[in-house]
Amino acid sequence: MLADGLYERFPKPEYALAFHVAALQAAGTLNVSLGAAYSGADTVDIVVHGVGAHGASPHKGVDPVLVASQIVVSLQSIVSRNIDPLQPGVITVGAIQGGSKHNIIGDRVELKLTVRSESPAIRTLLLDGIDRVVAGVAASFGVPADRMPEVVRSISETTPPTINDAASAARVRDAFLDHFGEEVVVDQLREGMGAEDFAYLVAAEHGVKGVYFSVGGTPVTDLPTAASHHSPLFKIAPEPAVTAGAEAMVVGALTLLAQPH
């Protein structure tokens, strides 16, 4: 939408308001962050090339499964040993695909990564670190120079951190407290580094003040065993979440449409 001229072809708004259901938050409750609401995310694909051989003669080839396995393990050293331990960062290998038969050493393994950060400096460190680790591991296993791994950073599956405008978020939070009461508006720390492309709509260069809040979706009695987002066991109580979300959006919109105090 932005690439298609959303803010040029139509009047640019002063504010943008949105919410996301939260499986690990009590159903019907609301949480408004006054700063970072979500992390930034990057999608990275790695293709590990090897030299095929018989599984009984591994010395005749270069095993990409072994190389890829070591890359997966070594990538974790970037977060644990290269970034400030007080700075958030995640490298998750969500998929590893390769090989075809028990007794065949193939010539290709694919890794699919998601990388999470909350500052440009840490993002650069993580992404550059991936390049360095992948090349170093491959070289240490004797991968030929013409078969070195390919590391591809997606240009579409990427988003910066979602940072709420502090003053606007405070106005919305105060309005929620007035309307819903203290038992509904909670201060809950984020669990994990989820990301949202809503961040593009409120990027600093646009001058649109953003407020992104969360709506709880799990009954209190089920919270200890609630599955996380993207789990096959993900389940929320729809009525409390839908009702609270719809009502909160109306209250938030009316608050932001009014003149600031």
C-alpha atoms as a PDB file:
ATOM      1  CA  MET A   1       0.000   0.000   0.000  1.00  0.00           C
ATOM      2  CA  LEU A   2       2.806   2.423   0.827  1.00  0.00           C
ATOM      3  CA  ALA A   3       4.650   1.499  -2.370  1.00  0.00           C
ATOM      4  CA  ASP A   4       1.415   2.177  -4.245  1.00  0.00           C
ATOM      5  CA  GLY A   5       1.328   5.717  -2.877  1.00  0.00           C
ATOM      6  CA  LEU A   6      -0.988   5.419   0.128  1.00  0.00           C
ATOM      7  CA  TYR A   7       0.341   8.562   1.774  1.00  0.00           C
ATOM      8  CA  GLU A   8       0.669  10.494  -1.485  1.00  0.00           C
ATOM      9  CA  ARG A   9      -2.578   9.604  -3.255  1.00  0.00           C
ATOM     10  CA  PHE A  10      -4.731  10.060  -0.156  1.00  0.00           C
ATOM     11  CA  PRO A  11      -4.614  12.503   2.767  1.00  0.00           C
ATOM     12  CA  LYS A  12      -1.979  11.332   5.223  1.00  0.00           C
ATOM     13  CA  PRO A  13      -3.404  10.694   8.684  1.00  0.00           C
ATOM     14  CA  GLU A  14      -2.051  12.174  11.885  1.00  0.00           C
ATOM     15  CA  TYR A  15      -2.430   8.860  13.708  1.00  0.00           C
ATOM     16  CA  ALA A  16      -2.546   5.138  13.013  1.00  0.00           C
ATOM     17  CA  LEU A  17      -4.216   2.766  15.483  1.00  0.00           C
ATOM     18  CA  ALA A  18      -4.165  -1.029  15.498  1.00  0.00           C
ATOM     19  CA  PHE A  19      -4.193  -4.030  17.806  1.00  0.00           C
ATOM     20  CA  HIS A  20      -3.192  -7.704  17.912  1.00  0.00           C
ATOM     21  CA  VAL A  21      -4.660 -10.541  19.926  1.00  0.00           C
ATOM     22  CA  ALA A  22      -2.315 -11.921  22.607  1.00  0.00           C
ATOM     23  CA  ALA A  23      -2.621 -15.594  23.478  1.00  0.00           C
ATOM     24  CA  LEU A  24      -0.553 -15.218  26.651  1.00  0.00           C
ATOM     25  CA  GLN A  25      -2.667 -12.344  28.000  1.00  0.00           C
ATOM     26  CA  ALA A  26      -5.931 -12.716  29.912  1.00  0.00           C
ATOM     27  CA  ALA A  27      -9.001 -12.619  27.661  1.00  0.00           C
ATOM     28  CA  GLY A  28     -10.579  -9.202  27.326  1.00  0.00           C
ATOM     29  CA  THR A  29      -7.692  -7.267  28.873  1.00  0.00           C
ATOM     30  CA  LEU A  30      -5.819  -4.465  27.108  1.00  0.00           C
ATOM     31  CA  ASN A  31      -2.131  -3.624  27.136  1.00  0.00           C
ATOM     32  CA  VAL A  32      -0.681  -0.412  25.680  1.00  0.00           C
ATOM     33  CA  SER A  33       3.070  -0.028  25.434  1.00  0.00           C
ATOM     34  CA  LEU A  34       4.486   3.493  25.659  1.00  0.00           C
ATOM     35  CA  GLY A  35       7.540   2.490  23.614  1.00  0.00           C
ATOM     36  CA  ALA A  36       8.489  -0.552  21.560  1.00  0.00           C
ATOM     37  CA  ALA A  37       5.370  -2.620  20.926  1.00  0.00           C
ATOM     38  CA  TYR A  38       6.937  -5.178  18.587  1.00  0.00           C
ATOM     39  CA  SER A  39      10.394  -6.101  17.375  1.00  0.00           C
ATOM     40  CA  GLY A  40      11.857  -5.900  13.890  1.00  0.00           C
ATOM     41  CA  ALA A  41      12.124  -9.054  11.800  1.00  0.00           C
ATOM     42  CA  ASP A  42      14.131 -10.272   8.825  1.00  0.00           C
ATOM     43  CA  THR A  43      13.726 -13.457   6.799  1.00  0.00           C
ATOM     44  CA  VAL A  44      16.938 -15.134   5.643  1.00  0.00           C
ATOM     45  CA  ASP A  45      17.358 -18.176   3.387  1.00  0.00           C
ATOM     46  CA  ILE A  46      20.580 -20.174   3.324  1.00  0.00           C
ATOM     47  CA  VAL A  47      21.399 -22.741   0.649  1.00  0.00           C
ATOM     48  CA  VAL A  48      24.243 -25.038   1.696  1.00  0.00           C
ATOM     49  CA  HIS A  49      25.941 -26.782  -1.236  1.00  0.00           C
ATOM     50  CA  GLY A  50      27.927 -29.965  -0.877  1.00  0.00           C
ATOM     51  CA  VAL A  51      29.473 -32.689  -3.006  1.00  0.00           C
ATOM     52  CA  GLY A  52      27.264 -35.737  -3.356  1.00  0.00           C
ATOM     53  CA  ALA A  53      28.546 -39.206  -2.549  1.00  0.00           C
ATOM     54  CA  HIS A  54      27.525 -42.635  -1.316  1.00  0.00           C
ATOM     55  CA  GLY A  55      26.565 -42.683   2.361  1.00  0.00           C
ATOM     56  CA  ALA A  56      29.084 -45.486   2.877  1.00  0.00           C
ATOM     57  CA  SER A  57      31.904 -43.397   1.368  1.00  0.00           C
ATOM     58  CA  PRO A  58      31.593 -39.966   3.005  1.00  0.00           C
ATOM     59  CA  HIS A  59      35.239 -39.179   2.276  1.00  0.00           C
ATOM     60  CA  LYS A  60      34.355 -38.994  -1.419  1.00  0.00           C
ATOM     61  CA  GLY A  61      32.114 -35.999  -0.961  1.00  0.00           C
ATOM     62  CA  VAL A  62      31.301 -33.009   1.219  1.00  0.00           C
ATOM     63  CA  ASP A  63      28.210 -33.650   3.321  1.00  0.00           C
ATOM     64  CA  PRO A  64      25.888 -30.591   3.260  1.00  0.00           C
ATOM     65  CA  VAL A  65      23.766 -32.073   6.056  1.00  0.00           C
ATOM     66  CA  LEU A  66      26.761 -32.011   8.380  1.00  0.00           C
ATOM     67  CA  VAL A  67      27.747 -28.518   7.261  1.00  0.00           C
ATOM     68  CA  ALA A  68      24.196 -27.234   7.690  1.00  0.00           C
ATOM     69  CA  SER A  69      23.904 -28.855  11.118  1.00  0.00           C
ATOM     70  CA  GLN A  70      27.051 -27.102  12.317  1.00  0.00           C
ATOM     71  CA  ILE A  71      25.810 -23.812  10.867  1.00  0.00           C
ATOM     72  CA  VAL A  72      22.580 -24.140  12.883  1.00  0.00           C
ATOM     73  CA  VAL A  73      24.539 -24.650  16.099  1.00  0.00           C
ATOM     74  CA  SER A  74      27.145 -21.977  15.364  1.00  0.00           C
ATOM     75  CA  LEU A  75      24.537 -19.332  14.510  1.00  0.00           C
ATOM     76  CA  GLN A  76      23.485 -19.290  18.148  1.00  0.00           C
ATOM     77  CA  SER A  77      26.917 -17.997  19.127  1.00  0.00           C
ATOM     78  CA  ILE A  78      26.093 -14.701  17.388  1.00  0.00           C
ATOM     79  CA  VAL A  79      23.406 -13.886  19.951  1.00  0.00           C
ATOM     80  CA  SER A  80      25.145 -15.446  22.937  1.00  0.00           C
ATOM     81  CA  ARG A  81      28.634 -14.080  22.283  1.00  0.00           C
ATOM     82  CA  ASN A  82      28.504 -11.180  19.806  1.00  0.00           C
ATOM     83  CA  ILE A  83      25.770  -8.842  21.034  1.00  0.00           C
ATOM     84  CA  ASP A  84      25.405  -7.010  24.327  1.00  0.00           C
ATOM     85  CA  PRO A  85      23.506  -9.378  26.665  1.00  0.00           C
ATOM     86  CA  LEU A  86      21.231  -6.476  27.632  1.00  0.00           C
ATOM     87  CA  GLN A  87      20.175  -6.014  24.000  1.00  0.00           C
ATOM     88  CA  PRO A  88      17.426  -8.261  22.594  1.00  0.00           C
ATOM     89  CA  GLY A  89      18.153 -10.452  19.588  1.00  0.00           C
ATOM     90  CA  VAL A  90      16.959 -13.777  18.186  1.00  0.00           C
ATOM     91  CA  ILE A  91      18.111 -16.062  15.388  1.00  0.00           C
ATOM     92  CA  THR A  92      15.728 -18.964  14.840  1.00  0.00           C
ATOM     93  CA  VAL A  93      16.167 -21.643  12.190  1.00  0.00           C
ATOM     94  CA  GLY A  94      12.561 -22.498  11.459  1.00  0.00           C
ATOM     95  CA  ALA A  95      13.183 -25.126   8.786  1.00  0.00           C
ATOM     96  CA  ILE A  96      15.954 -27.364   7.525  1.00  0.00           C
ATOM     97  CA  GLN A  97      15.379 -29.320   4.342  1.00  0.00           C
ATOM     98  CA  GLY A  98      17.759 -31.620   2.517  1.00  0.00           C
ATOM     99  CA  GLY A  99      18.643 -35.135   1.529  1.00  0.00           C
ATOM    100  CA  SER A 100      16.595 -37.828  -0.176  1.00  0.00           C
ATOM    101  CA  LYS A 101      17.649 -41.293   1.023  1.00  0.00           C
ATOM    102  CA  HIS A 102      19.227 -43.025   3.996  1.00  0.00           C
ATOM    103  CA  ASN A 103      22.415 -44.031   2.163  1.00  0.00           C
ATOM    104  CA  ILE A 104      22.925 -41.014  -0.084  1.00  0.00           C
ATOM    105  CA  ILE A 105      24.953 -37.910   0.729  1.00  0.00           C
ATOM    106  CA  GLY A 106      23.173 -35.181  -1.193  1.00  0.00           C
ATOM    107  CA  ASP A 107      24.499 -31.920  -2.552  1.00  0.00           C
ATOM    108  CA  ARG A 108      22.058 -29.354  -1.145  1.00  0.00           C
ATOM    109  CA  VAL A 109      20.419 -28.363   2.147  1.00  0.00           C
ATOM    110  CA  GLU A 110      18.181 -25.345   2.689  1.00  0.00           C
ATOM    111  CA  LEU A 111      17.813 -23.416   5.944  1.00  0.00           C
ATOM    112  CA  LYS A 112      15.037 -20.907   6.644  1.00  0.00           C
ATOM    113  CA  LEU A 113      15.683 -18.293   9.336  1.00  0.00           C
ATOM    114  CA  THR A 114      13.855 -15.538  11.122  1.00  0.00           C
ATOM    115  CA  VAL A 115      16.021 -12.830  12.721  1.00  0.00           C
ATOM    116  CA  ARG A 116      14.669 -10.452  15.367  1.00  0.00           C
ATOM    117  CA  SER A 117      16.114  -7.169  16.625  1.00  0.00           C
ATOM    118  CA  GLU A 118      15.095  -3.791  18.011  1.00  0.00           C
ATOM    119  CA  SER A 119      17.824  -1.444  16.804  1.00  0.00           C
ATOM    120  CA  PRO A 120      19.546  -0.851  13.461  1.00  0.00           C
ATOM    121  CA  ALA A 121      22.956  -1.612  15.000  1.00  0.00           C
ATOM    122  CA  ILE A 122      21.912  -5.005  16.399  1.00  0.00           C
ATOM    123  CA  ARG A 123      20.088  -5.864  13.176  1.00  0.00           C
ATOM    124  CA  THR A 124      23.255  -5.210  11.162  1.00  0.00           C
ATOM    125  CA  LEU A 125      25.359  -7.178  13.628  1.00  0.00           C
ATOM    126  CA  LEU A 126      23.042 -10.193  13.448  1.00  0.00           C
ATOM    127  CA  LEU A 127      22.709 -10.223   9.658  1.00  0.00           C
ATOM    128  CA  ASP A 128      26.415  -9.681   9.037  1.00  0.00           C
ATOM    129  CA  GLY A 129      27.176 -12.295  11.670  1.00  0.00           C
ATOM    130  CA  ILE A 130      25.106 -14.838   9.781  1.00  0.00           C
ATOM    131  CA  ASP A 131      27.140 -14.188   6.625  1.00  0.00           C
ATOM    132  CA  ARG A 132      30.378 -14.591   8.554  1.00  0.00           C
ATOM    133  CA  VAL A 133      29.402 -17.783  10.402  1.00  0.00           C
ATOM    134  CA  VAL A 134      27.995 -19.477   7.310  1.00  0.00           C
ATOM    135  CA  ALA A 135      31.122 -18.772   5.246  1.00  0.00           C
ATOM    136  CA  GLY A 136      33.460 -19.751   8.079  1.00  0.00           C
ATOM    137  CA  VAL A 137      31.747 -23.050   8.856  1.00  0.00           C
ATOM    138  CA  ALA A 138      31.575 -24.013   5.187  1.00  0.00           C
ATOM    139  CA  ALA A 139      35.265 -23.263   4.692  1.00  0.00           C
ATOM    140  CA  SER A 140      36.201 -25.268   7.799  1.00  0.00           C
ATOM    141  CA  PHE A 141      34.450 -28.339   6.349  1.00  0.00           C
ATOM    142  CA  GLY A 142      36.233 -28.055   3.035  1.00  0.00           C
ATOM    143  CA  VAL A 143      33.360 -26.835   0.891  1.00  0.00           C
ATOM    144  CA  PRO A 144      34.893 -25.910  -2.496  1.00  0.00           C
ATOM    145  CA  ALA A 145      35.128 -22.213  -3.292  1.00  0.00           C
ATOM    146  CA  ASP A 146      32.683 -22.591  -6.169  1.00  0.00           C
ATOM    147  CA  ARG A 147      30.126 -24.290  -3.895  1.00  0.00           C
ATOM    148  CA  MET A 148      30.094 -21.891  -0.956  1.00  0.00           C
ATOM    149  CA  PRO A 149      26.664 -21.351   0.668  1.00  0.00           C
ATOM    150  CA  GLU A 150      24.250 -18.732  -0.596  1.00  0.00           C
ATOM    151  CA  VAL A 151      22.788 -16.383   2.020  1.00  0.00           C
ATOM    152  CA  VAL A 152      19.751 -14.434   0.795  1.00  0.00           C
ATOM    153  CA  ARG A 153      18.080 -11.693   2.834  1.00  0.00           C
ATOM    154  CA  SER A 154      14.454 -11.244   1.818  1.00  0.00           C
ATOM    155  CA  ILE A 155      13.598  -7.781   0.531  1.00  0.00           C
ATOM    156  CA  SER A 156       9.867  -8.288   1.139  1.00  0.00           C
ATOM    157  CA  GLU A 157       9.624 -10.379   4.327  1.00  0.00           C
ATOM    158  CA  THR A 158      11.216  -7.795   6.584  1.00  0.00           C
ATOM    159  CA  THR A 159       9.941  -5.143   8.965  1.00  0.00           C
ATOM    160  CA  PRO A 160      11.465  -2.607  11.361  1.00  0.00           C
ATOM    161  CA  PRO A 161      10.447  -2.451  15.045  1.00  0.00           C
ATOM    162  CA  THR A 162       7.009  -1.076  15.860  1.00  0.00           C
ATOM    163  CA  ILE A 163       7.586   1.913  18.133  1.00  0.00           C
ATOM    164  CA  ASN A 164       4.531   3.590  19.637  1.00  0.00           C
ATOM    165  CA  ASP A 165       4.403   7.350  19.866  1.00  0.00           C
ATOM    166  CA  ALA A 166       4.725   7.744  23.636  1.00  0.00           C
ATOM    167  CA  ALA A 167       2.399  10.739  24.050  1.00  0.00           C
ATOM    168  CA  SER A 168      -0.323   9.266  21.837  1.00  0.00           C
ATOM    169  CA  ALA A 169      -0.042   5.869  23.506  1.00  0.00           C
ATOM    170  CA  ALA A 170      -0.393   7.519  26.918  1.00  0.00           C
ATOM    171  CA  ARG A 171      -3.560   9.317  25.769  1.00  0.00           C
ATOM    172  CA  VAL A 172      -5.071   6.067  24.522  1.00  0.00           C
ATOM    173  CA  ARG A 173      -4.070   4.184  27.659  1.00  0.00           C
ATOM    174  CA  ASP A 174      -5.617   6.863  29.889  1.00  0.00           C
ATOM    175  CA  ALA A 175      -8.812   6.702  27.834  1.00  0.00           C
ATOM    176  CA  PHE A 176      -8.890   2.918  28.226  1.00  0.00           C
ATOM    177  CA  LEU A 177      -8.499   3.298  31.989  1.00  0.00           C
ATOM    178  CA  ASP A 178     -11.354   5.800  32.130  1.00  0.00           C
ATOM    179  CA  HIS A 179     -13.629   3.647  29.986  1.00  0.00           C
ATOM    180  CA  PHE A 180     -12.767   0.071  30.984  1.00  0.00           C
ATOM    181  CA  GLY A 181     -11.217   0.426  34.437  1.00  0.00           C
ATOM    182  CA  GLU A 182      -8.006  -0.769  36.054  1.00  0.00           C
ATOM    183  CA  GLU A 183      -9.065  -4.422  36.014  1.00  0.00           C
ATOM    184  CA  VAL A 184      -9.041  -4.421  32.191  1.00  0.00           C
ATOM    185  CA  VAL A 185      -5.986  -2.276  31.390  1.00  0.00           C
ATOM    186  CA  VAL A 186      -2.862  -4.232  32.307  1.00  0.00           C
ATOM    187  CA  ASP A 187       0.874  -3.610  32.148  1.00  0.00           C
ATOM    188  CA  GLN A 188       2.267  -6.836  30.758  1.00  0.00           C
ATOM    189  CA  LEU A 189       5.834  -7.292  29.601  1.00  0.00           C
ATOM    190  CA  ARG A 190       6.304  -8.747  26.152  1.00  0.00           C
ATOM    191  CA  GLU A 191       7.118 -12.440  25.971  1.00  0.00           C
ATOM    192  CA  GLY A 192       9.229 -12.962  22.896  1.00  0.00           C
ATOM    193  CA  MET A 193      10.071 -10.805  19.899  1.00  0.00           C
ATOM    194  CA  GLY A 194       7.027 -10.853  17.678  1.00  0.00           C
ATOM    195  CA  ALA A 195       7.041  -8.408  14.761  1.00  0.00           C
ATOM    196  CA  GLU A 196       4.417  -6.526  12.786  1.00  0.00           C
ATOM    197  CA  ASP A 197       4.541  -4.767   9.429  1.00  0.00           C
ATOM    198  CA  PHE A 198       2.301  -2.058  10.912  1.00  0.00           C
ATOM    199  CA  ALA A 199       5.706  -0.557  11.670  1.00  0.00           C
ATOM    200  CA  TYR A 200       5.982   0.665   8.076  1.00  0.00           C
ATOM    201  CA  LEU A 201       2.858   2.811   8.419  1.00  0.00           C
ATOM    202  CA  VAL A 202       4.296   4.645  11.429  1.00  0.00           C
ATOM    203  CA  ALA A 203       7.950   4.819  10.396  1.00  0.00           C
ATOM    204  CA  ALA A 204       9.628   8.048  11.502  1.00  0.00           C
ATOM    205  CA  GLU A 205       9.957   9.409   7.972  1.00  0.00           C
ATOM    206  CA  HIS A 206       6.159   9.501   7.540  1.00  0.00           C
ATOM    207  CA  GLY A 207       5.394  11.527  10.652  1.00  0.00           C
ATOM    208  CA  VAL A 208       2.328   9.408  11.465  1.00  0.00           C
ATOM    209  CA  LYS A 209       1.943   8.816  15.208  1.00  0.00           C
ATOM    210  CA  GLY A 210       1.304   5.159  15.893  1.00  0.00           C
ATOM    211  CA  VAL A 211      -0.401   3.301  18.709  1.00  0.00           C
ATOM    212  CA  TYR A 212      -0.376  -0.483  18.605  1.00  0.00           C
ATOM    213  CA  PHE A 213      -1.925  -2.306  21.562  1.00  0.00           C
ATOM    214  CA  SER A 214      -2.711  -5.899  22.467  1.00  0.00           C
ATOM    215  CA  VAL A 215      -5.986  -7.588  23.395  1.00  0.00           C
ATOM    216  CA  GLY A 216      -5.885 -10.675  25.583  1.00  0.00           C
ATOM    217  CA  GLY A 217      -7.442 -13.808  24.149  1.00  0.00           C
ATOM    218  CA  THR A 218      -7.066 -16.622  26.703  1.00  0.00           C
ATOM    219  CA  PRO A 219      -9.227 -17.212  29.796  1.00  0.00           C
ATOM    220  CA  VAL A 220      -7.265 -16.718  33.019  1.00  0.00           C
ATOM    221  CA  THR A 221      -7.730 -20.370  34.012  1.00  0.00           C
ATOM    222  CA  ASP A 222      -6.105 -21.498  30.751  1.00  0.00           C
ATOM    223  CA  LEU A 223      -3.120 -19.120  30.789  1.00  0.00           C
ATOM    224  CA  PRO A 224      -0.676 -21.583  32.459  1.00  0.00           C
ATOM    225  CA  THR A 225      -1.098 -24.020  29.546  1.00  0.00           C
ATOM    226  CA  ALA A 226      -1.846 -21.567  26.724  1.00  0.00           C
ATOM    227  CA  ALA A 227      -0.089 -22.326  23.446  1.00  0.00           C
ATOM    228  CA  SER A 228       1.932 -19.552  21.833  1.00  0.00           C
ATOM    229  CA  HIS A 229       1.116 -17.909  18.542  1.00  0.00           C
ATOM    230  CA  HIS A 230       1.866 -20.029  15.434  1.00  0.00           C
ATOM    231  CA  SER A 231       1.520 -23.201  17.496  1.00  0.00           C
ATOM    232  CA  PRO A 232      -0.836 -25.839  16.031  1.00  0.00           C
ATOM    233  CA  LEU A 233      -2.522 -25.744  19.454  1.00  0.00           C
ATOM    234  CA  PHE A 234      -3.139 -21.965  19.276  1.00  0.00           C
ATOM    235  CA  LYS A 235      -6.629 -21.207  20.547  1.00  0.00           C
ATOM    236  CA  ILE A 236      -8.316 -18.122  21.959  1.00  0.00           C
ATOM    237  CA  ALA A 237     -11.716 -17.354  23.434  1.00  0.00           C
ATOM    238  CA  PRO A 238     -13.194 -15.379  20.533  1.00  0.00           C
ATOM    239  CA  GLU A 239     -16.047 -13.480  22.168  1.00  0.00           C
ATOM    240  CA  PRO A 240     -14.085 -11.633  24.894  1.00  0.00           C
ATOM    241  CA  ALA A 241     -11.261 -10.803  22.492  1.00  0.00           C
ATOM    242  CA  VAL A 242     -13.473  -9.616  19.629  1.00  0.00           C
ATOM    243  CA  THR A 243     -15.689  -7.543  21.916  1.00  0.00           C
ATOM    244  CA  ALA A 244     -12.797  -5.950  23.782  1.00  0.00           C
ATOM    245  CA  GLY A 245     -10.863  -5.300  20.577  1.00  0.00           C
ATOM    246  CA  ALA A 246     -13.778  -3.661  18.760  1.00  0.00           C
ATOM    247  CA  GLU A 247     -14.729  -1.507  21.731  1.00  0.00           C
ATOM    248  CA  ALA A 248     -11.128  -0.495  22.385  1.00  0.00           C
ATOM    249  CA  MET A 249     -10.639   0.554  18.765  1.00  0.00           C
ATOM    250  CA  VAL A 250     -13.668   2.839  18.991  1.00  0.00           C
ATOM    251  CA  VAL A 251     -12.481   4.363  22.263  1.00  0.00           C
ATOM    252  CA  GLY A 252      -8.966   4.797  20.894  1.00  0.00           C
ATOM    253  CA  ALA A 253     -10.130   6.346  17.628  1.00  0.00           C
ATOM    254  CA  LEU A 254     -12.461   8.798  19.385  1.00  0.00           C
ATOM    255  CA  THR A 255      -9.623   9.751  21.725  1.00  0.00           C
ATOM    256  CA  LEU A 256      -7.152  10.447  18.936  1.00  0.00           C
ATOM    257  CA  LEU A 257      -9.735  12.261  16.796  1.00  0.00           C
ATOM    258  CA  ALA A 258     -10.316  14.692  19.669  1.00  0.00           C
ATOM    259  CA  GLN A 259      -7.933  17.564  20.234  1.00  0.00           C
ATOM    260  CA  PRO A 260      -4.985  16.673  22.513  1.00  0.00           C
ATOM    261  CA  HIS A 261      -5.367  17.809  26.116  1.00  0.00           C
END
